Every structure is written in structure tokens, then in C-alpha cells.
PDB file of N, CA and C in Angstrom:
ATOM      1  N   MET A   1       0.899  -1.345   0.166  1.00  0.00           N
ATOM      2  CA  MET A   1       0.279  -0.010   0.009  1.00  0.00           C
ATOM      3  C   MET A   1       0.779   1.019   0.012  1.00  0.00           C
ATOM      4  N   GLY A   2       1.010   1.964   0.639  1.00  0.00           N
ATOM      5  CA  GLY A   2       1.711   3.285   0.730  1.00  0.00           C
ATOM      6  C   GLY A   2       1.795   3.903   1.732  1.00  0.00           C
ATOM      7  N   ASN A   3       2.259   4.906   1.812  1.00  0.00           N
ATOM      8  CA  ASN A   3       2.612   5.459   3.446  1.00  0.00           C
ATOM      9  C   ASN A   3       1.657   6.479   3.434  1.00  0.00           C
ATOM     10  N   ASN A   4       0.258   6.012   4.108  1.00  0.00           N
ATOM     11  CA  ASN A   4      -0.689   7.019   4.805  1.00  0.00           C
ATOM     12  C   ASN A   4       0.032   8.471   5.197  1.00  0.00           C
ATOM     13  N   LYS A   5       0.838   8.604   6.136  1.00  0.00           N
ATOM     14  CA  LYS A   5       1.528   9.687   6.570  1.00  0.00           C
ATOM     15  C   LYS A   5       1.786  10.804   5.721  1.00  0.00           C
ATOM     16  N   LYS A   6       1.856  10.730   4.389  1.00  0.00           N
ATOM     17  CA  LYS A   6       1.818  11.550   3.465  1.00  0.00           C
ATOM     18  C   LYS A   6       0.642  12.113   2.866  1.00  0.00           C
ATOM     19  N   ASN A   7      -0.441  11.317   2.839  1.00  0.00           N
ATOM     20  CA  ASN A   7      -1.803  11.885   2.646  1.00  0.00           C
ATOM     21  C   ASN A   7      -2.457  12.462   3.605  1.00  0.00           C
ATOM     22  N   LYS A   8      -2.066  12.318   4.944  1.00  0.00           N
ATOM     23  CA  LYS A   8      -2.874  12.435   6.331  1.00  0.00           C
ATOM     24  C   LYS A   8      -3.547  14.013   6.218  1.00  0.00           C
ATOM     25  N   LYS A   9      -4.539  14.420   6.527  1.00  0.00           N
ATOM     26  CA  LYS A   9      -4.611  15.545   6.484  1.00  0.00           C
ATOM     27  C   LYS A   9      -5.417  16.142   7.856  1.00  0.00           C
ATOM     28  N   TYR A  10      -5.006  16.976   8.738  1.00  0.00           N
ATOM     29  CA  TYR A  10      -5.566  17.117  10.065  1.00  0.00           C
ATOM     30  C   TYR A  10      -6.621  17.946   9.901  1.00  0.00           C
ATOM     31  N   GLU A  11      -7.488  17.505  11.163  1.00  0.00           N
ATOM     32  CA  GLU A  11      -8.847  18.474  11.063  1.00  0.00           C
ATOM     33  C   GLU A  11      -8.525  19.040  12.593  1.00  0.00           C
ATOM     34  N   VAL A  12      -8.439  20.525  12.308  1.00  0.00           N
ATOM     35  CA  VAL A  12      -8.343  21.651  13.558  1.00  0.00           C
ATOM     36  C   VAL A  12      -9.681  22.081  14.450  1.00  0.00           C
ATOM     37  N   ILE A  13      -9.674  21.950  15.187  1.00  0.00           N
ATOM     38  CA  ILE A  13     -10.668  22.129  15.768  1.00  0.00           C
ATOM     39  C   ILE A  13     -10.542  23.096  16.922  1.00  0.00           C
ATOM     40  N   PRO A  14     -10.950  24.341  17.292  1.00  0.00           N
ATOM     41  CA  PRO A  14     -11.956  25.107  16.339  1.00  0.00           C
ATOM     42  C   PRO A  14     -10.779  25.735  14.765  1.00  0.00           C
ATOM     43  N   GLU A  15     -11.498  25.485  14.222  1.00  0.00           N
ATOM     44  CA  GLU A  15     -10.476  26.293  12.547  1.00  0.00           C
ATOM     45  C   GLU A  15      -9.652  27.313  12.784  1.00  0.00           C
ATOM     46  N   LYS A  16     -10.734  28.389  14.006  1.00  0.00           N
ATOM     47  CA  LYS A  16     -10.304  29.911  13.976  1.00  0.00           C
ATOM     48  C   LYS A  16      -9.035  29.599  14.756  1.00  0.00           C
ATOM     49  N   ALA A  17      -8.597  28.603  15.994  1.00  0.00           N
ATOM     50  CA  ALA A  17      -7.356  28.392  16.611  1.00  0.00           C
ATOM     51  C   ALA A  17      -6.294  28.262  15.223  1.00  0.00           C
ATOM     52  N   TYR A  18      -6.577  27.658  14.259  1.00  0.00           N
ATOM     53  CA  TYR A  18      -5.417  27.390  12.995  1.00  0.00           C
ATOM     54  C   TYR A  18      -5.349  28.518  12.290  1.00  0.00           C
ATOM     55  N   ILE A  19      -6.391  28.918  12.094  1.00  0.00           N
ATOM     56  CA  ILE A  19      -6.323  30.525  10.990  1.00  0.00           C
ATOM     57  C   ILE A  19      -5.554  31.415  12.036  1.00  0.00           C
ATOM     58  N   ASP A  20      -5.511  31.775  13.141  1.00  0.00           N
ATOM     59  CA  ASP A  20      -4.845  32.834  14.000  1.00  0.00           C
ATOM     60  C   ASP A  20      -3.845  32.405  14.270  1.00  0.00           C
ATOM     61  N   GLY A  21      -3.335  31.056  14.303  1.00  0.00           N
ATOM     62  CA  GLY A  21      -2.216  30.567  14.401  1.00  0.00           C
ATOM     63  C   GLY A  21      -1.136  31.033  13.396  1.00  0.00           C
ATOM     64  N   VAL A  22      -1.949  30.765  12.467  1.00  0.00           N
ATOM     65  CA  VAL A  22      -1.248  30.833  10.991  1.00  0.00           C
ATOM     66  C   VAL A  22      -0.943  32.500  10.801  1.00  0.00           C
ATOM     67  N   ALA A  23      -1.591  33.041  11.043  1.00  0.00           N
ATOM     68  CA  ALA A  23      -1.481  34.598  10.971  1.00  0.00           C
ATOM     69  C   ALA A  23      -0.411  34.827  11.808  1.00  0.00           C
ATOM     70  N   SER A  24      -0.236  34.552  13.236  1.00  0.00           N
ATOM     71  CA  SER A  24       0.266  35.132  13.709  1.00  0.00           C
ATOM     72  C   SER A  24       1.970  34.725  13.882  1.00  0.00           C
ATOM     73  N   ILE A  25       2.111  33.599  13.083  1.00  0.00           N
ATOM     74  CA  ILE A  25       3.520  32.877  12.676  1.00  0.00           C
ATOM     75  C   ILE A  25       3.826  33.906  11.225  1.00  0.00           C
ATOM     76  N   SER A  26       2.725  34.122  10.297  1.00  0.00           N
ATOM     77  CA  SER A  26       3.392  35.012   9.133  1.00  0.00           C
ATOM     78  C   SER A  26       3.856  36.279   9.473  1.00  0.00           C
ATOM     79  N   MET A  27       3.034  36.850  10.837  1.00  0.00           N
ATOM     80  CA  MET A  27       3.339  37.949  11.078  1.00  0.00           C
ATOM     81  C   MET A  27       4.947  37.927  11.397  1.00  0.00           C
ATOM     82  N   LYS A  28       5.114  37.170  12.210  1.00  0.00           N
ATOM     83  CA  LYS A  28       6.718  36.702  12.923  1.00  0.00           C
ATOM     84  C   LYS A  28       7.512  36.774  11.574  1.00  0.00           C
ATOM     85  N   LEU A  29       7.085  35.923  10.815  1.00  0.00           N
ATOM     86  CA  LEU A  29       8.076  35.837   9.561  1.00  0.00           C
ATOM     87  C   LEU A  29       7.965  37.001   8.958  1.00  0.00           C
ATOM     88  N   GLY A  30       7.053  37.973   8.588  1.00  0.00           N
ATOM     89  CA  GLY A  30       7.148  39.211   7.993  1.00  0.00           C
ATOM     90  C   GLY A  30       7.858  39.849   8.463  1.00  0.00           C
ATOM     91  N   GLY A  31       8.492  40.318   9.847  1.00  0.00           N
ATOM     92  CA  GLY A  31       9.046  40.908  10.532  1.00  0.00           C
ATOM     93  C   GLY A  31      10.449  40.765  10.004  1.00  0.00           C
ATOM     94  N   TYR A  32      10.848  39.337   9.519  1.00  0.00           N
ATOM     95  CA  TYR A  32      12.508  39.195   9.026  1.00  0.00           C
ATOM     96  C   TYR A  32      12.601  40.017   7.554  1.00  0.00           C
ATOM     97  N   VAL A  33      11.272  40.103   6.718  1.00  0.00           N
ATOM     98  CA  VAL A  33      11.625  39.898   5.182  1.00  0.00           C
ATOM     99  C   VAL A  33      11.079  41.413   4.961  1.00  0.00           C
ATOM    100  N   ARG A  34      11.236  42.285   6.008  1.00  0.00           N
ATOM    101  CA  ARG A  34      10.631  43.708   5.524  1.00  0.00           C
ATOM    102  C   ARG A  34      11.038  44.179   4.230  1.00  0.00           C
ATOM    103  N   GLY A  35       9.926  45.000   3.683  1.00  0.00           N
ATOM    104  CA  GLY A  35      10.793  45.743   2.107  1.00  0.00           C
ATOM    105  C   GLY A  35      10.717  44.784   1.041  1.00  0.00           C
ATOM    106  N   LYS A  36      10.456  43.050   1.464  1.00  0.00           N
ATOM    107  CA  LYS A  36      10.435  42.635   0.223  1.00  0.00           C
ATOM    108  C   LYS A  36       9.089  42.421  -0.197  1.00  0.00           C
ATOM    109  N   PRO A  37       8.631  42.173  -1.469  1.00  0.00           N
ATOM    110  CA  PRO A  37       7.101  41.735  -1.429  1.00  0.00           C
ATOM    111  C   PRO A  37       7.213  40.069  -1.306  1.00  0.00           C
ATOM    112  N   LEU A  38       6.711  39.585  -0.219  1.00  0.00           N
ATOM    113  CA  LEU A  38       7.086  38.085  -0.074  1.00  0.00           C
ATOM    114  C   LEU A  38       5.728  37.519   0.586  1.00  0.00           C
ATOM    115  N   ASN A  39       4.672  36.525   0.245  1.00  0.00           N
ATOM    116  CA  ASN A  39       3.533  35.784   0.777  1.00  0.00           C
ATOM    117  C   ASN A  39       4.516  34.793   1.499  1.00  0.00           C
ATOM    118  N   VAL A  40       4.183  35.168   3.084  1.00  0.00           N
ATOM    119  CA  VAL A  40       4.916  34.317   3.762  1.00  0.00           C
ATOM    120  C   VAL A  40       3.614  33.358   4.302  1.00  0.00           C
ATOM    121  N   TYR A  41       2.318  33.527   4.235  1.00  0.00           N
ATOM    122  CA  TYR A  41       1.122  32.636   4.377  1.00  0.00           C
ATOM    123  C   TYR A  41       1.422  31.133   4.127  1.00  0.00           C
ATOM    124  N   PRO A  42       1.728  30.638   2.928  1.00  0.00           N
ATOM    125  CA  PRO A  42       2.026  29.167   2.746  1.00  0.00           C
ATOM    126  C   PRO A  42       3.152  28.748   3.470  1.00  0.00           C
ATOM    127  N   LEU A  43       3.897  29.398   3.796  1.00  0.00           N
ATOM    128  CA  LEU A  43       5.479  28.829   4.424  1.00  0.00           C
ATOM    129  C   LEU A  43       4.835  28.921   6.079  1.00  0.00           C
ATOM    130  N   ALA A  44       3.905  29.934   6.681  1.00  0.00           N
ATOM    131  CA  ALA A  44       3.792  29.842   7.999  1.00  0.00           C
ATOM    132  C   ALA A  44       2.928  28.540   8.111  1.00  0.00           C
ATOM    133  N   GLN A  45       1.776  28.310   7.112  1.00  0.00           N
ATOM    134  CA  GLN A  45       0.912  26.831   7.062  1.00  0.00           C
ATOM    135  C   GLN A  45       1.689  25.817   6.891  1.00  0.00           C
ATOM    136  N   LEU A  46       2.851  25.586   6.384  1.00  0.00           N
ATOM    137  CA  LEU A  46       3.392  24.488   6.504  1.00  0.00           C
ATOM    138  C   LEU A  46       4.412  24.390   7.800  1.00  0.00           C
ATOM    139  N   ILE A  47       5.034  25.431   8.169  1.00  0.00           N
ATOM    140  CA  ILE A  47       5.646  24.871   9.582  1.00  0.00           C
ATOM    141  C   ILE A  47       4.851  24.866  10.506  1.00  0.00           C
ATOM    142  N   LEU A  48       3.435  25.376  10.568  1.00  0.00           N
ATOM    143  CA  LEU A  48       2.308  25.038  11.850  1.00  0.00           C
ATOM    144  C   LEU A  48       2.000  23.331  11.406  1.00  0.00           C
ATOM    145  N   ARG A  49       1.582  22.952  10.346  1.00  0.00           N
ATOM    146  CA  ARG A  49       1.531  21.708   9.902  1.00  0.00           C
ATOM    147  C   ARG A  49       2.863  20.849  10.569  1.00  0.00           C
ATOM    148  N   LEU A  50       4.113  21.129  10.302  1.00  0.00           N
ATOM    149  CA  LEU A  50       5.031  20.150  10.527  1.00  0.00           C
ATOM    150  C   LEU A  50       4.937  20.188  11.911  1.00  0.00           C
ATOM    151  N   LEU A  51       4.806  21.108  12.970  1.00  0.00           N
ATOM    152  CA  LEU A  51       5.186  21.288  14.322  1.00  0.00           C
ATOM    153  C   LEU A  51       3.922  20.459  15.108  1.00  0.00           C
ATOM    154  N   LEU A  52       2.498  20.402  14.533  1.00  0.00           N
ATOM    155  CA  LEU A  52       1.594  19.487  14.935  1.00  0.00           C
ATOM    156  C   LEU A  52       2.175  18.248  14.861  1.00  0.00           C
ATOM    157  N   PRO A  53       1.466  17.729  16.243  1.00  0.00           N
ATOM    158  CA  PRO A  53       1.677  15.960  16.568  1.00  0.00           C
ATOM    159  C   PRO A  53       1.697  15.308  15.456  1.00  0.00           C
ATOM    160  N   GLU A  54       2.106  14.294  14.611  1.00  0.00           N
ATOM    161  CA  GLU A  54       1.628  13.560  13.913  1.00  0.00           C
ATOM    162  C   GLU A  54       0.695  12.256  14.174  1.00  0.00           C
ATOM    163  N   ASP A  55       0.991  12.149  15.541  1.00  0.00           N
ATOM    164  CA  ASP A  55      -0.475  10.803  15.811  1.00  0.00           C
ATOM    165  C   ASP A  55      -1.670  11.696  16.255  1.00  0.00           C
ATOM    166  N   LEU A  56      -2.099  13.012  15.779  1.00  0.00           N
ATOM    167  CA  LEU A  56      -3.022  13.450  15.799  1.00  0.00           C
ATOM    168  C   LEU A  56      -4.076  13.410  14.906  1.00  0.00           C
ATOM    169  N   LYS A  57      -5.309  13.069  14.906  1.00  0.00           N
ATOM    170  CA  LYS A  57      -6.391  13.123  14.023  1.00  0.00           C
ATOM    171  C   LYS A  57      -6.915  14.586  13.792  1.00  0.00           C
ATOM    172  N   GLU A  58      -7.312  14.996  15.245  1.00  0.00           N
ATOM    173  CA  GLU A  58      -7.916  16.256  15.345  1.00  0.00           C
ATOM    174  C   GLU A  58      -6.725  16.760  16.418  1.00  0.00           C
ATOM    175  N   ALA A  59      -6.690  18.387  15.758  1.00  0.00           N
ATOM    176  CA  ALA A  59      -5.854  19.255  17.142  1.00  0.00           C
ATOM    177  C   ALA A  59      -6.712  19.878  17.603  1.00  0.00           C
ATOM    178  N   ASN A  60      -6.655  20.285  18.579  1.00  0.00           N
ATOM    179  CA  ASN A  60      -7.647  21.152  19.464  1.00  0.00           C
ATOM    180  C   ASN A  60      -6.705  22.682  19.285  1.00  0.00           C
ATOM    181  N   SER A  61      -7.095  23.397  20.168  1.00  0.00           N
ATOM    182  CA  SER A  61      -6.714  24.927  19.978  1.00  0.00           C
ATOM    183  C   SER A  61      -5.341  24.746  20.791  1.00  0.00           C
ATOM    184  N   GLU A  62      -5.537  23.967  21.763  1.00  0.00           N
ATOM    185  CA  GLU A  62      -4.101  23.974  22.962  1.00  0.00           C
ATOM    186  C   GLU A  62      -3.240  23.254  21.851  1.00  0.00           C
ATOM    187  N   ASP A  63      -3.058  22.519  21.245  1.00  0.00           N
ATOM    188  CA  ASP A  63      -2.139  21.895  20.489  1.00  0.00           C
ATOM    189  C   ASP A  63      -1.895  23.188  19.306  1.00  0.00           C
ATOM    190  N   VAL A  64      -2.667  23.629  18.771  1.00  0.00           N
ATOM    191  CA  VAL A  64      -2.227  24.859  17.478  1.00  0.00           C
ATOM    192  C   VAL A  64      -1.386  25.578  18.692  1.00  0.00           C
ATOM    193  N   GLU A  65      -1.948  25.877  19.685  1.00  0.00           N
ATOM    194  CA  GLU A  65      -1.190  27.148  20.431  1.00  0.00           C
ATOM    195  C   GLU A  65       0.360  26.817  20.959  1.00  0.00           C
ATOM    196  N   ILE A  66       0.402  25.626  21.287  1.00  0.00           N
ATOM    197  CA  ILE A  66       1.942  24.832  21.495  1.00  0.00           C
ATOM    198  C   ILE A  66       2.727  24.855  20.440  1.00  0.00           C
ATOM    199  N   ALA A  67       1.962  24.514  19.098  1.00  0.00           N
ATOM    200  CA  ALA A  67       3.190  24.469  17.804  1.00  0.00           C
ATOM    201  C   ALA A  67       3.179  25.940  17.569  1.00  0.00           C
ATOM    202  N   VAL A  68       2.656  26.958  17.455  1.00  0.00           N
ATOM    203  CA  VAL A  68       2.523  28.152  17.162  1.00  0.00           C
ATOM    204  C   VAL A  68       3.984  29.002  18.383  1.00  0.00           C
ATOM    205  N   ARG A  69       4.026  28.474  19.402  1.00  0.00           N
ATOM    206  CA  ARG A  69       4.433  29.389  20.379  1.00  0.00           C
ATOM    207  C   ARG A  69       5.937  28.730  19.793  1.00  0.00           C
ATOM    208  N   ASP A  70       6.309  27.421  19.235  1.00  0.00           N
ATOM    209  CA  ASP A  70       7.171  26.418  19.014  1.00  0.00           C
ATOM    210  C   ASP A  70       7.782  27.317  18.030  1.00  0.00           C
ATOM    211  N   ALA A  71       6.771  27.279  16.994  1.00  0.00           N
ATOM    212  CA  ALA A  71       7.442  27.968  15.671  1.00  0.00           C
ATOM    213  C   ALA A  71       7.941  29.307  15.623  1.00  0.00           C
ATOM    214  N   LYS A  72       7.286  30.074  16.802  1.00  0.00           N
ATOM    215  CA  LYS A  72       7.926  31.431  17.136  1.00  0.00           C
ATOM    216  C   LYS A  72       9.223  31.283  17.522  1.00  0.00           C
ATOM    217  N   LYS A  73       9.358  30.472  18.161  1.00  0.00           N
ATOM    218  CA  LYS A  73      10.974  30.100  19.085  1.00  0.00           C
ATOM    219  C   LYS A  73      11.964  29.812  18.102  1.00  0.00           C
ATOM    220  N   LEU A  74      11.511  28.711  17.164  1.00  0.00           N
ATOM    221  CA  LEU A  74      12.142  28.379  15.978  1.00  0.00           C
ATOM    222  C   LEU A  74      12.578  29.692  14.900  1.00  0.00           C
ATOM    223  N   ILE A  75      11.671  30.326  14.881  1.00  0.00           N
ATOM    224  CA  ILE A  75      12.076  31.424  13.811  1.00  0.00           C
ATOM    225  C   ILE A  75      12.883  32.576  14.522  1.00  0.00           C
ATOM    226  N   ASP A  76      12.926  33.000  15.535  1.00  0.00           N
ATOM    227  CA  ASP A  76      13.732  33.629  16.079  1.00  0.00           C
ATOM    228  C   ASP A  76      15.336  33.102  16.382  1.00  0.00           C
ATOM    229  N   TYR A  77      15.240  31.734  16.774  1.00  0.00           N
ATOM    230  CA  TYR A  77      16.271  31.198  16.667  1.00  0.00           C
ATOM    231  C   TYR A  77      17.076  30.850  15.562  1.00  0.00           C
ATOM    232  N   PHE A  78      16.491  30.646  14.350  1.00  0.00           N
ATOM    233  CA  PHE A  78      17.173  30.949  12.745  1.00  0.00           C
ATOM    234  C   PHE A  78      17.521  31.839  12.394  1.00  0.00           C
ATOM    235  N   MET A  79      16.502  33.243  12.379  1.00  0.00           N
ATOM    236  CA  MET A  79      16.640  34.395  11.917  1.00  0.00           C
ATOM    237  C   MET A  79      17.430  35.257  12.869  1.00  0.00           C
ATOM    238  N   VAL A  80      18.142  35.083  13.682  1.00  0.00           N
ATOM    239  CA  VAL A  80      19.072  36.035  14.108  1.00  0.00           C
ATOM    240  C   VAL A  80      20.483  36.616  13.431  1.00  0.00           C
TER     241      VAL A  80
END
């Protein structure tokens, strides 16, 4: 069969937490690319999806908040 992890999609409950998290990460990333036209929203989505636990089928708002906090720490670490 194939690797089902590649095709796995998360369902975030509530969706507002996910959208707010991606927006927060986008703003953080945007602070490092001032003056350049760059859409960081897809990159922020990717970062958030990668930081959500793999074994979850549904992510709640607490899971999203933890992933957003970790993403911001990583951005600060690598963008210094």
C-alpha cells in the first residue's frame, strides 16, 4: 500500500485557532523580510502543520497554541 502519513490531513477544532496561529506565524516571519514582496502565509501554514503532532487526527486549540509558540521560538533562533 503506500505511506498514509504523506496523505494525512489534520482536522483542527476549532478552525479559528489554526487560522489565528498561521496569521501569528506569518507576522513573525514578515518581520524578518521587510521591504521585500513576499507571501509568507503558505510557509507559515507549512511550519504549523509540521509542528502539530503526527499522531493526532484532530488538533484542538491547545495543540495549535503549543505549535505556534514552538514555531516562533524556531523563527527567532534561526533568523538572528
